[in-house]
C-alpha atoms as a PDB file:
ATOM      1  CA  UNK A   1      -6.982 -81.013 -35.002  1.00  0.00           C
ATOM      2  CA  UNK A   2      -8.120 -84.481 -36.215  1.00  0.00           C
ATOM      3  CA  UNK A   3      -6.675 -86.074 -32.805  1.00  0.00           C
ATOM      4  CA  UNK A   4      -8.599 -83.445 -30.914  1.00  0.00           C
ATOM      5  CA  UNK A   5     -11.699 -83.946 -32.527  1.00  0.00           C
ATOM      6  CA  UNK A   6     -11.354 -87.878 -32.014  1.00  0.00           C
ATOM      7  CA  UNK A   7     -11.217 -87.392 -28.077  1.00  0.00           C
ATOM      8  CA  UNK A   8     -13.941 -84.866 -27.899  1.00  0.00           C
ATOM      9  CA  UNK A   9     -16.326 -87.662 -29.763  1.00  0.00           C
ATOM     10  CA  UNK A  10     -14.944 -90.602 -27.560  1.00  0.00           C
ATOM     11  CA  UNK A  11     -15.566 -87.897 -24.168  1.00  0.00           C
ATOM     12  CA  UNK A  12     -19.006 -87.284 -25.202  1.00  0.00           C
ATOM     13  CA  UNK A  13     -19.722 -91.085 -25.560  1.00  0.00           C
ATOM     14  CA  UNK A  14     -18.169 -91.723 -22.792  1.00  0.00           C
ATOM     15  CA  UNK A  15     -20.552 -89.099 -20.232  1.00  0.00           C
ATOM     16  CA  UNK A  16     -23.568 -90.312 -21.996  1.00  0.00           C
ATOM     17  CA  UNK A  17     -22.613 -93.936 -21.132  1.00  0.00           C
ATOM     18  CA  UNK A  18     -21.801 -92.538 -17.612  1.00  0.00           C
ATOM     19  CA  UNK A  19     -24.840 -90.871 -16.928  1.00  0.00           C
ATOM     20  CA  UNK A  20     -27.304 -94.143 -18.246  1.00  0.00           C
ATOM     21  CA  UNK A  21     -25.262 -96.775 -15.918  1.00  0.00           C
ATOM     22  CA  UNK A  22     -24.486 -94.745 -12.966  1.00  0.00           C
ATOM     23  CA  UNK A  23     -27.048 -94.856 -10.442  1.00  0.00           C
ATOM     24  CA  UNK A  24     -25.785 -91.856  -8.471  1.00  0.00           C
ATOM     25  CA  UNK A  25     -26.809 -89.918 -11.698  1.00  0.00           C
ATOM     26  CA  UNK A  26     -30.234 -91.322 -12.230  1.00  0.00           C
ATOM     27  CA  UNK A  27     -32.842 -88.508 -11.872  1.00  0.00           C
ATOM     28  CA  UNK A  28     -36.074 -88.749 -11.371  1.00  0.00           C
ATOM     29  CA  UNK A  29     -37.590 -86.009 -13.314  1.00  0.00           C
ATOM     30  CA  UNK A  30     -40.656 -86.251 -11.046  1.00  0.00           C
ATOM     31  CA  UNK A  31     -38.713 -86.290  -7.927  1.00  0.00           C
ATOM     32  CA  UNK A  32     -39.354 -82.351  -7.121  1.00  0.00           C
ATOM     33  CA  UNK A  33     -37.411 -80.309  -3.970  1.00  0.00           C
ATOM     34  CA  UNK A  34     -39.556 -79.443  -1.459  1.00  0.00           C
ATOM     35  CA  UNK A  35     -40.057 -75.677  -0.734  1.00  0.00           C
ATOM     36  CA  UNK A  36     -39.938 -74.743   2.875  1.00  0.00           C
ATOM     37  CA  UNK A  37     -42.910 -75.175   5.036  1.00  0.00           C
ATOM     38  CA  UNK A  38     -44.903 -72.857   7.502  1.00  0.00           C
ATOM     39  CA  UNK A  39     -46.233 -74.127  10.471  1.00  0.00           C
ATOM     40  CA  UNK A  40     -49.177 -72.773  12.936  1.00  0.00           C
ATOM     41  CA  UNK A  41     -48.021 -71.447  16.937  1.00  0.00           C
ATOM     42  CA  UNK A  42     -50.440 -71.466  18.736  1.00  0.00           C
ATOM     43  CA  UNK A  43     -49.108 -70.982  22.148  1.00  0.00           C
ATOM     44  CA  UNK A  44     -48.778 -67.528  23.703  1.00  0.00           C
ATOM     45  CA  UNK A  45     -46.415 -67.916  25.948  1.00  0.00           C
ATOM     46  CA  UNK A  46     -43.767 -69.085  23.457  1.00  0.00           C
ATOM     47  CA  UNK A  47     -42.386 -65.299  22.413  1.00  0.00           C
ATOM     48  CA  UNK A  48     -42.651 -64.703  26.329  1.00  0.00           C
ATOM     49  CA  UNK A  49     -40.005 -66.728  26.640  1.00  0.00           C
ATOM     50  CA  UNK A  50     -36.303 -66.686  25.297  1.00  0.00           C
ATOM     51  CA  UNK A  51     -35.547 -70.643  26.093  1.00  0.00           C
ATOM     52  CA  UNK A  52     -39.068 -71.303  23.882  1.00  0.00           C
ATOM     53  CA  UNK A  53     -38.342 -69.695  21.688  1.00  0.00           C
ATOM     54  CA  UNK A  54     -34.759 -71.052  20.853  1.00  0.00           C
ATOM     55  CA  UNK A  55     -36.441 -74.749  21.199  1.00  0.00           C
ATOM     56  CA  UNK A  56     -39.041 -73.275  18.187  1.00  0.00           C
ATOM     57  CA  UNK A  57     -36.412 -71.550  15.708  1.00  0.00           C
ATOM     58  CA  UNK A  58     -34.015 -74.922  15.938  1.00  0.00           C
ATOM     59  CA  UNK A  59     -37.278 -77.113  15.872  1.00  0.00           C
ATOM     60  CA  UNK A  60     -37.881 -75.137  12.458  1.00  0.00           C
ATOM     61  CA  UNK A  61     -34.467 -75.196  11.544  1.00  0.00           C
ATOM     62  CA  UNK A  62     -34.224 -79.448  11.414  1.00  0.00           C
ATOM     63  CA  UNK A  63     -37.747 -78.783  10.132  1.00  0.00           C
ATOM     64  CA  UNK A  64     -37.272 -76.976   6.941  1.00  0.00           C
ATOM     65  CA  UNK A  65     -39.567 -74.021   8.324  1.00  0.00           C
ATOM     66  CA  UNK A  66     -39.203 -70.742   7.561  1.00  0.00           C
ATOM     67  CA  UNK A  67     -42.910 -69.372   8.117  1.00  0.00           C
ATOM     68  CA  UNK A  68     -44.195 -68.749  11.166  1.00  0.00           C
ATOM     69  CA  UNK A  69     -48.125 -68.200  11.874  1.00  0.00           C
ATOM     70  CA  UNK A  70     -48.185 -67.192  15.588  1.00  0.00           C
ATOM     71  CA  UNK A  71     -51.104 -66.488  18.002  1.00  0.00           C
ATOM     72  CA  UNK A  72     -50.792 -62.567  18.284  1.00  0.00           C
ATOM     73  CA  UNK A  73     -54.354 -62.015  19.421  1.00  0.00           C
ATOM     74  CA  UNK A  74     -53.995 -59.520  21.736  1.00  0.00           C
ATOM     75  CA  UNK A  75     -51.328 -56.840  22.478  1.00  0.00           C
ATOM     76  CA  UNK A  76     -50.358 -55.072  25.963  1.00  0.00           C
ATOM     77  CA  UNK A  77     -47.428 -53.361  26.885  1.00  0.00           C
ATOM     78  CA  UNK A  78     -45.293 -56.296  28.241  1.00  0.00           C
ATOM     79  CA  UNK A  79     -45.937 -59.055  25.309  1.00  0.00           C
ATOM     80  CA  UNK A  80     -45.545 -56.231  22.662  1.00  0.00           C
ATOM     81  CA  UNK A  81     -41.703 -56.454  23.823  1.00  0.00           C
ATOM     82  CA  UNK A  82     -41.798 -59.894  23.969  1.00  0.00           C
ATOM     83  CA  UNK A  83     -43.256 -60.094  19.913  1.00  0.00           C
ATOM     84  CA  UNK A  84     -40.555 -57.586  19.238  1.00  0.00           C
ATOM     85  CA  UNK A  85     -37.905 -59.878  20.743  1.00  0.00           C
ATOM     86  CA  UNK A  86     -39.649 -62.594  18.957  1.00  0.00           C
ATOM     87  CA  UNK A  87     -39.626 -61.312  15.406  1.00  0.00           C
ATOM     88  CA  UNK A  88     -36.421 -60.099  15.731  1.00  0.00           C
ATOM     89  CA  UNK A  89     -34.648 -63.686  16.292  1.00  0.00           C
ATOM     90  CA  UNK A  90     -36.964 -65.118  13.962  1.00  0.00           C
ATOM     91  CA  UNK A  91     -35.748 -63.090  11.082  1.00  0.00           C
ATOM     92  CA  UNK A  92     -32.064 -63.607  12.081  1.00  0.00           C
ATOM     93  CA  UNK A  93     -33.042 -67.239  11.624  1.00  0.00           C
ATOM     94  CA  UNK A  94     -34.294 -66.289   7.900  1.00  0.00           C
ATOM     95  CA  UNK A  95     -37.826 -66.878   9.238  1.00  0.00           C
ATOM     96  CA  UNK A  96     -40.996 -65.029   8.200  1.00  0.00           C
ATOM     97  CA  UNK A  97     -43.501 -63.870  11.387  1.00  0.00           C
ATOM     98  CA  UNK A  98     -47.130 -63.909  10.472  1.00  0.00           C
ATOM     99  CA  UNK A  99     -49.514 -62.970  13.343  1.00  0.00           C
ATOM    100  CA  UNK A 100     -52.457 -65.086  13.656  1.00  0.00           C
ATOM    101  CA  UNK A 101     -55.868 -64.346  15.088  1.00  0.00           C
ATOM    102  CA  UNK A 102     -59.299 -65.588  14.447  1.00  0.00           C
ATOM    103  CA  UNK A 103     -62.756 -66.082  15.788  1.00  0.00           C
ATOM    104  CA  UNK A 104     -65.726 -67.590  14.004  1.00  0.00           C
ATOM    105  CA  UNK A 105     -68.199 -64.474  15.380  1.00  0.00           C
ATOM    106  CA  UNK A 106     -65.519 -62.191  13.737  1.00  0.00           C
ATOM    107  CA  UNK A 107     -67.133 -63.124  10.120  1.00  0.00           C
ATOM    108  CA  UNK A 108     -70.272 -61.652  11.270  1.00  0.00           C
ATOM    109  CA  UNK A 109     -71.078 -58.171  10.054  1.00  0.00           C
ATOM    110  CA  UNK A 110     -72.001 -56.421  13.691  1.00  0.00           C
ATOM    111  CA  UNK A 111     -68.725 -58.097  14.971  1.00  0.00           C
ATOM    112  CA  UNK A 112     -66.468 -56.439  11.932  1.00  0.00           C
ATOM    113  CA  UNK A 113     -64.681 -54.182  13.980  1.00  0.00           C
ATOM    114  CA  UNK A 114     -62.874 -56.302  16.470  1.00  0.00           C
ATOM    115  CA  UNK A 115     -60.613 -58.113  13.628  1.00  0.00           C
ATOM    116  CA  UNK A 116     -60.356 -54.854  12.080  1.00  0.00           C
ATOM    117  CA  UNK A 117     -58.978 -53.158  15.511  1.00  0.00           C
ATOM    118  CA  UNK A 118     -56.794 -56.395  15.568  1.00  0.00           C
ATOM    119  CA  UNK A 119     -55.523 -55.489  11.846  1.00  0.00           C
ATOM    120  CA  UNK A 120     -54.872 -51.726  13.057  1.00  0.00           C
ATOM    121  CA  UNK A 121     -52.930 -52.593  15.737  1.00  0.00           C
ATOM    122  CA  UNK A 122     -50.828 -55.187  13.945  1.00  0.00           C
ATOM    123  CA  UNK A 123     -50.482 -51.893  11.199  1.00  0.00           C
ATOM    124  CA  UNK A 124     -49.438 -49.591  15.230  1.00  0.00           C
ATOM    125  CA  UNK A 125     -46.968 -52.375  16.135  1.00  0.00           C
ATOM    126  CA  UNK A 126     -45.162 -52.805  12.709  1.00  0.00           C
ATOM    127  CA  UNK A 127     -45.216 -48.898  12.179  1.00  0.00           C
ATOM    128  CA  UNK A 128     -43.609 -48.354  16.073  1.00  0.00           C
ATOM    129  CA  UNK A 129     -41.093 -50.386  15.762  1.00  0.00           C
ATOM    130  CA  UNK A 130     -37.755 -51.214  13.973  1.00  0.00           C
ATOM    131  CA  UNK A 131     -38.131 -53.033  10.394  1.00  0.00           C
ATOM    132  CA  UNK A 132     -36.083 -56.159  11.739  1.00  0.00           C
ATOM    133  CA  UNK A 133     -38.848 -56.657  14.722  1.00  0.00           C
ATOM    134  CA  UNK A 134     -42.335 -55.991  12.549  1.00  0.00           C
ATOM    135  CA  UNK A 135     -44.505 -58.522  11.398  1.00  0.00           C
ATOM    136  CA  UNK A 136     -44.479 -60.043   7.719  1.00  0.00           C
ATOM    137  CA  UNK A 137     -47.873 -61.216   7.685  1.00  0.00           C
ATOM    138  CA  UNK A 138     -51.331 -61.309   8.877  1.00  0.00           C
ATOM    139  CA  UNK A 139     -52.929 -64.849   9.064  1.00  0.00           C
ATOM    140  CA  UNK A 140     -56.501 -64.646   9.649  1.00  0.00           C
ATOM    141  CA  UNK A 141     -58.005 -68.136  11.087  1.00  0.00           C
ATOM    142  CA  UNK A 142     -62.004 -66.825  10.913  1.00  0.00           C
ATOM    143  CA  UNK A 143     -63.983 -70.175  10.628  1.00  0.00           C
ATOM    144  CA  UNK A 144     -67.481 -68.889  10.730  1.00  0.00           C
ATOM    145  CA  UNK A 145     -69.235 -72.801   9.955  1.00  0.00           C
ATOM    146  CA  UNK A 146     -67.930 -73.362  13.543  1.00  0.00           C
ATOM    147  CA  UNK A 147     -70.851 -70.960  14.726  1.00  0.00           C
ATOM    148  CA  UNK A 148     -73.476 -73.775  15.135  1.00  0.00           C
ATOM    149  CA  UNK A 149     -76.831 -72.777  14.889  1.00  0.00           C
ATOM    150  CA  UNK A 150     -76.760 -69.842  12.581  1.00  0.00           C
ATOM    151  CA  UNK A 151     -74.134 -71.476  10.300  1.00  0.00           C
ATOM    152  CA  UNK A 152     -76.657 -73.914   9.680  1.00  0.00           C
ATOM    153  CA  UNK A 153     -79.600 -71.986   9.360  1.00  0.00           C
ATOM    154  CA  UNK A 154     -78.160 -68.941   6.958  1.00  0.00           C
ATOM    155  CA  UNK A 155     -74.770 -70.080   4.990  1.00  0.00           C
ATOM    156  CA  UNK A 156     -75.011 -68.221   2.269  1.00  0.00           C
ATOM    157  CA  UNK A 157     -75.799 -64.639   4.435  1.00  0.00           C
ATOM    158  CA  UNK A 158     -72.496 -65.671   6.701  1.00  0.00           C
ATOM    159  CA  UNK A 159     -70.347 -66.294   3.799  1.00  0.00           C
ATOM    160  CA  UNK A 160     -70.739 -63.090   2.228  1.00  0.00           C
ATOM    161  CA  UNK A 161     -70.401 -61.381   5.347  1.00  0.00           C
ATOM    162  CA  UNK A 162     -67.184 -63.088   6.217  1.00  0.00           C
ATOM    163  CA  UNK A 163     -66.090 -62.312   2.572  1.00  0.00           C
ATOM    164  CA  UNK A 164     -66.780 -58.802   3.493  1.00  0.00           C
ATOM    165  CA  UNK A 165     -64.507 -58.299   5.927  1.00  0.00           C
ATOM    166  CA  UNK A 166     -61.825 -59.687   4.034  1.00  0.00           C
ATOM    167  CA  UNK A 167     -62.669 -57.447   1.421  1.00  0.00           C
ATOM    168  CA  UNK A 168     -62.859 -54.361   4.249  1.00  0.00           C
ATOM    169  CA  UNK A 169     -59.057 -55.410   5.655  1.00  0.00           C
ATOM    170  CA  UNK A 170     -57.554 -55.524   2.602  1.00  0.00           C
ATOM    171  CA  UNK A 171     -59.391 -51.870   1.885  1.00  0.00           C
ATOM    172  CA  UNK A 172     -58.241 -50.727   5.618  1.00  0.00           C
ATOM    173  CA  UNK A 173     -54.607 -51.949   4.159  1.00  0.00           C
ATOM    174  CA  UNK A 174     -54.837 -49.497   1.199  1.00  0.00           C
ATOM    175  CA  UNK A 175     -55.871 -46.823   2.836  1.00  0.00           C
ATOM    176  CA  UNK A 176     -52.497 -47.098   5.216  1.00  0.00           C
ATOM    177  CA  UNK A 177     -50.378 -48.266   2.490  1.00  0.00           C
ATOM    178  CA  UNK A 178     -49.364 -50.501   4.793  1.00  0.00           C
ATOM    179  CA  UNK A 179     -46.426 -52.830   3.176  1.00  0.00           C
ATOM    180  CA  UNK A 180     -47.764 -56.616   4.871  1.00  0.00           C
ATOM    181  CA  UNK A 181     -49.132 -59.418   3.290  1.00  0.00           C
ATOM    182  CA  UNK A 182     -52.437 -60.627   4.516  1.00  0.00           C
ATOM    183  CA  UNK A 183     -53.626 -64.533   3.802  1.00  0.00           C
ATOM    184  CA  UNK A 184     -56.622 -66.649   5.526  1.00  0.00           C
ATOM    185  CA  UNK A 185     -56.914 -69.989   6.491  1.00  0.00           C
ATOM    186  CA  UNK A 186     -59.836 -71.851   4.807  1.00  0.00           C
ATOM    187  CA  UNK A 187     -60.781 -75.293   4.873  1.00  0.00           C
ATOM    188  CA  UNK A 188     -60.770 -77.743   1.626  1.00  0.00           C
ATOM    189  CA  UNK A 189     -64.777 -78.384   1.215  1.00  0.00           C
ATOM    190  CA  UNK A 190     -65.721 -75.020   0.511  1.00  0.00           C
ATOM    191  CA  UNK A 191     -65.659 -75.875  -3.099  1.00  0.00           C
ATOM    192  CA  UNK A 192     -66.972 -79.073  -2.609  1.00  0.00           C
ATOM    193  CA  UNK A 193     -70.629 -78.290  -1.955  1.00  0.00           C
ATOM    194  CA  UNK A 194     -72.895 -76.487  -4.341  1.00  0.00           C
ATOM    195  CA  UNK A 195     -74.864 -74.825  -1.992  1.00  0.00           C
ATOM    196  CA  UNK A 196     -71.988 -73.207  -0.950  1.00  0.00           C
ATOM    197  CA  UNK A 197     -71.551 -70.975  -4.239  1.00  0.00           C
ATOM    198  CA  UNK A 198     -72.385 -67.150  -3.350  1.00  0.00           C
ATOM    199  CA  UNK A 199     -73.306 -64.394  -5.322  1.00  0.00           C
ATOM    200  CA  UNK A 200     -70.231 -61.949  -4.334  1.00  0.00           C
ATOM    201  CA  UNK A 201     -68.898 -58.798  -5.583  1.00  0.00           C
ATOM    202  CA  UNK A 202     -71.064 -59.891  -8.620  1.00  0.00           C
ATOM    203  CA  UNK A 203     -70.112 -62.969  -9.260  1.00  0.00           C
ATOM    204  CA  UNK A 204     -71.418 -66.483  -8.121  1.00  0.00           C
ATOM    205  CA  UNK A 205     -68.124 -68.890  -7.418  1.00  0.00           C
ATOM    206  CA  UNK A 206     -67.498 -70.783  -4.593  1.00  0.00           C
ATOM    207  CA  UNK A 207     -66.214 -69.154  -0.970  1.00  0.00           C
ATOM    208  CA  UNK A 208     -62.730 -70.277  -1.791  1.00  0.00           C
ATOM    209  CA  UNK A 209     -62.283 -68.509  -5.289  1.00  0.00           C
ATOM    210  CA  UNK A 210     -63.582 -65.689  -3.665  1.00  0.00           C
ATOM    211  CA  UNK A 211     -61.160 -65.233  -0.799  1.00  0.00           C
ATOM    212  CA  UNK A 212     -58.464 -66.323  -3.598  1.00  0.00           C
ATOM    213  CA  UNK A 213     -59.759 -63.425  -5.489  1.00  0.00           C
ATOM    214  CA  UNK A 214     -59.622 -60.945  -2.526  1.00  0.00           C
ATOM    215  CA  UNK A 215     -56.578 -62.032  -0.265  1.00  0.00           C
ATOM    216  CA  UNK A 216     -52.747 -62.341  -1.358  1.00  0.00           C
ATOM    217  CA  UNK A 217     -52.303 -66.006  -0.281  1.00  0.00           C
ATOM    218  CA  UNK A 218     -54.565 -69.017   1.675  1.00  0.00           C
ATOM    219  CA  UNK A 219     -53.599 -72.043   3.225  1.00  0.00           C
ATOM    220  CA  UNK A 220     -56.342 -74.600   3.354  1.00  0.00           C
ATOM    221  CA  UNK A 221     -56.676 -76.820   5.961  1.00  0.00           C
ATOM    222  CA  UNK A 222     -56.044 -80.345   3.831  1.00  0.00           C
ATOM    223  CA  UNK A 223     -56.646 -82.410   6.410  1.00  0.00           C
ATOM    224  CA  UNK A 224     -56.485 -85.768   5.604  1.00  0.00           C
ATOM    225  CA  UNK A 225     -53.414 -88.546   6.655  1.00  0.00           C
ATOM    226  CA  UNK A 226     -53.190 -90.162   3.025  1.00  0.00           C
ATOM    227  CA  UNK A 227     -52.374 -88.141  -0.007  1.00  0.00           C
ATOM    228  CA  UNK A 228     -54.039 -91.093  -3.087  1.00  0.00           C
ATOM    229  CA  UNK A 229     -57.415 -91.518  -3.705  1.00  0.00           C
ATOM    230  CA  UNK A 230     -60.997 -89.339  -4.553  1.00  0.00           C
ATOM    231  CA  UNK A 231     -60.650 -88.353  -0.532  1.00  0.00           C
ATOM    232  CA  UNK A 232     -56.981 -88.028  -0.192  1.00  0.00           C
ATOM    233  CA  UNK A 233     -55.575 -84.468   0.306  1.00  0.00           C
ATOM    234  CA  UNK A 234     -54.235 -84.255  -3.065  1.00  0.00           C
ATOM    235  CA  UNK A 235     -57.474 -84.554  -4.971  1.00  0.00           C
ATOM    236  CA  UNK A 236     -58.900 -82.183  -2.200  1.00  0.00           C
ATOM    237  CA  UNK A 237     -56.737 -79.271  -3.189  1.00  0.00           C
ATOM    238  CA  UNK A 238     -57.068 -79.814  -6.770  1.00  0.00           C
ATOM    239  CA  UNK A 239     -59.369 -77.293  -7.415  1.00  0.00           C
ATOM    240  CA  UNK A 240     -57.733 -74.248  -4.896  1.00  0.00           C
ATOM    241  CA  UNK A 241     -54.401 -74.824  -6.639  1.00  0.00           C
ATOM    242  CA  UNK A 242     -55.666 -74.868 -10.077  1.00  0.00           C
ATOM    243  CA  UNK A 243     -57.899 -71.621  -9.319  1.00  0.00           C
ATOM    244  CA  UNK A 244     -54.884 -69.752  -7.510  1.00  0.00           C
ATOM    245  CA  UNK A 245     -52.777 -70.769 -10.521  1.00  0.00           C
ATOM    246  CA  UNK A 246     -55.077 -69.121 -12.921  1.00  0.00           C
ATOM    247  CA  UNK A 247     -55.227 -65.627 -10.812  1.00  0.00           C
ATOM    248  CA  UNK A 248     -51.280 -65.783  -9.619  1.00  0.00           C
ATOM    249  CA  UNK A 249     -52.146 -66.602  -5.899  1.00  0.00           C
ATOM    250  CA  UNK A 250     -50.236 -68.866  -3.977  1.00  0.00           C
ATOM    251  CA  UNK A 251     -51.409 -71.681  -2.070  1.00  0.00           C
ATOM    252  CA  UNK A 252     -49.555 -73.704   1.385  1.00  0.00           C
ATOM    253  CA  UNK A 253     -51.726 -76.957   2.010  1.00  0.00           C
ATOM    254  CA  UNK A 254     -51.982 -77.243   5.267  1.00  0.00           C
ATOM    255  CA  UNK A 255     -51.525 -81.024   6.961  1.00  0.00           C
ATOM    256  CA  UNK A 256     -53.080 -82.132  10.498  1.00  0.00           C
ATOM    257  CA  UNK A 257     -50.601 -83.683  13.674  1.00  0.00           C
ATOM    258  CA  UNK A 258     -53.055 -82.578  16.628  1.00  0.00           C
ATOM    259  CA  UNK A 259     -53.750 -85.409  18.851  1.00  0.00           C
ATOM    260  CA  UNK A 260     -57.674 -87.042  19.641  1.00  0.00           C
ATOM    261  CA  UNK A 261     -59.650 -86.054  16.645  1.00  0.00           C
ATOM    262  CA  UNK A 262     -62.362 -87.618  14.818  1.00  0.00           C
ATOM    263  CA  UNK A 263     -62.198 -89.184  12.430  1.00  0.00           C
ATOM    264  CA  UNK A 264     -58.567 -90.213  12.336  1.00  0.00           C
ATOM    265  CA  UNK A 265     -58.103 -89.362   9.018  1.00  0.00           C
ATOM    266  CA  UNK A 266     -57.781 -86.345   9.533  1.00  0.00           C
ATOM    267  CA  UNK A 267     -54.711 -86.333  11.650  1.00  0.00           C
ATOM    268  CA  UNK A 268     -51.065 -88.103  11.356  1.00  0.00           C
ATOM    269  CA  UNK A 269     -50.870 -87.916  15.205  1.00  0.00           C
ATOM    270  CA  UNK A 270     -50.953 -91.921  15.408  1.00  0.00           C
ATOM    271  CA  UNK A 271     -48.958 -92.019  12.790  1.00  0.00           C
ATOM    272  CA  UNK A 272     -44.592 -92.105  12.613  1.00  0.00           C
ATOM    273  CA  UNK A 273     -42.727 -89.217  10.854  1.00  0.00           C
ATOM    274  CA  UNK A 274     -42.028 -91.776   8.304  1.00  0.00           C
ATOM    275  CA  UNK A 275     -45.183 -92.580   7.536  1.00  0.00           C
ATOM    276  CA  UNK A 276     -46.411 -88.987   7.270  1.00  0.00           C
ATOM    277  CA  UNK A 277     -43.437 -87.760   5.862  1.00  0.00           C
ATOM    278  CA  UNK A 278     -44.001 -90.214   2.817  1.00  0.00           C
ATOM    279  CA  UNK A 279     -47.665 -89.107   2.128  1.00  0.00           C
ATOM    280  CA  UNK A 280     -46.491 -85.683   2.118  1.00  0.00           C
ATOM    281  CA  UNK A 281     -44.161 -86.562  -0.264  1.00  0.00           C
ATOM    282  CA  UNK A 282     -46.909 -87.372  -2.546  1.00  0.00           C
ATOM    283  CA  UNK A 283     -48.222 -83.802  -2.081  1.00  0.00           C
ATOM    284  CA  UNK A 284     -45.528 -82.635  -3.170  1.00  0.00           C
ATOM    285  CA  UNK A 285     -44.742 -84.569  -6.079  1.00  0.00           C
ATOM    286  CA  UNK A 286     -48.014 -84.051  -7.292  1.00  0.00           C
ATOM    287  CA  UNK A 287     -48.158 -79.664  -7.183  1.00  0.00           C
ATOM    288  CA  UNK A 288     -44.527 -78.779  -6.523  1.00  0.00           C
ATOM    289  CA  UNK A 289     -43.885 -77.790  -9.997  1.00  0.00           C
ATOM    290  CA  UNK A 290     -47.360 -75.583 -10.013  1.00  0.00           C
ATOM    291  CA  UNK A 291     -46.652 -71.530  -9.379  1.00  0.00           C
ATOM    292  CA  UNK A 292     -49.442 -71.522  -7.116  1.00  0.00           C
ATOM    293  CA  UNK A 293     -48.252 -74.192  -4.595  1.00  0.00           C
ATOM    294  CA  UNK A 294     -46.139 -71.986  -1.670  1.00  0.00           C
ATOM    295  CA  UNK A 295     -45.338 -75.098   0.442  1.00  0.00           C
ATOM    296  CA  UNK A 296     -46.667 -77.789   3.214  1.00  0.00           C
ATOM    297  CA  UNK A 297     -48.264 -75.969   6.133  1.00  0.00           C
ATOM    298  CA  UNK A 298     -47.944 -78.167   9.347  1.00  0.00           C
ATOM    299  CA  UNK A 299     -50.294 -77.116  12.172  1.00  0.00           C
ATOM    300  CA  UNK A 300     -49.686 -77.472  14.776  1.00  0.00           C
ATOM    301  CA  UNK A 301     -45.808 -76.419  16.215  1.00  0.00           C
ATOM    302  CA  UNK A 302     -46.382 -78.251  19.792  1.00  0.00           C
ATOM    303  CA  UNK A 303     -47.953 -81.382  18.229  1.00  0.00           C
ATOM    304  CA  UNK A 304     -45.802 -81.587  15.388  1.00  0.00           C
ATOM    305  CA  UNK A 305     -43.259 -81.439  17.718  1.00  0.00           C
ATOM    306  CA  UNK A 306     -44.097 -84.445  19.572  1.00  0.00           C
ATOM    307  CA  UNK A 307     -45.149 -86.617  17.040  1.00  0.00           C
ATOM    308  CA  UNK A 308     -41.545 -86.059  15.923  1.00  0.00           C
ATOM    309  CA  UNK A 309     -40.246 -86.856  19.292  1.00  0.00           C
ATOM    310  CA  UNK A 310     -42.080 -89.869  19.815  1.00  0.00           C
ATOM    311  CA  UNK A 311     -40.262 -93.283  20.881  1.00  0.00           C
END
């Protein structure tokens, strides 16, 4: 027994020494594994092509992507069949598919019937097809601030009408008893400007917080090609991440790769993939342990692929 105890003590000390001195066992406690990414796919021709679909799904596999926001504005007899096949193939690769649509005018009350009809069309599609062919979610990319003069003249009114739209969609989902995720894309700066705080549903909050109260999840368009500093992507996502955590909601942090954008610091287009990933790792390290952080969302497929493949 005494010999056994002696060997046990030796083994424990050996493991401690091995852990301290072996470089392969040294672990950075702050090194957090990145969750799978999301990605916008705006090209409506991709679901219509088996080869393009194959290439997209292969790309997702190599870049840890398991959630697609796929453009699905309109449904016809032909593209319904395309979406059925596309969704089935994506699901066979363990990738969820979220119907993507949006128009700045959708935020205006007089246009609300358009997105509501779109939402109803997706629910009808899901009811008519097999489970593996359904959309998993709906991604609303309505950016009312792109309306120009109407936005500048009455931001508060437009924001309230936009918030009303999202509540109407949630209420329609409840009426239809639909099992589908509803999420929105929002800019990082909705919470930065005190003049954008609106009284809605009896509470004065930034539009970002009202949206997080209403929908299932949000993707922040946090477009910076650097993570650190007061104007970096970490700082710009902080308020949304913290608020989402407080209301038990999820946030994807969007990163831009599109070319020919101004100012240049909003996109990674002129950087290498290695340089981009270095900045994204900082974001993941900053928020990866927060329950509200769902992952990184890449905008968008064609420009992201071009960045990856450039020499």
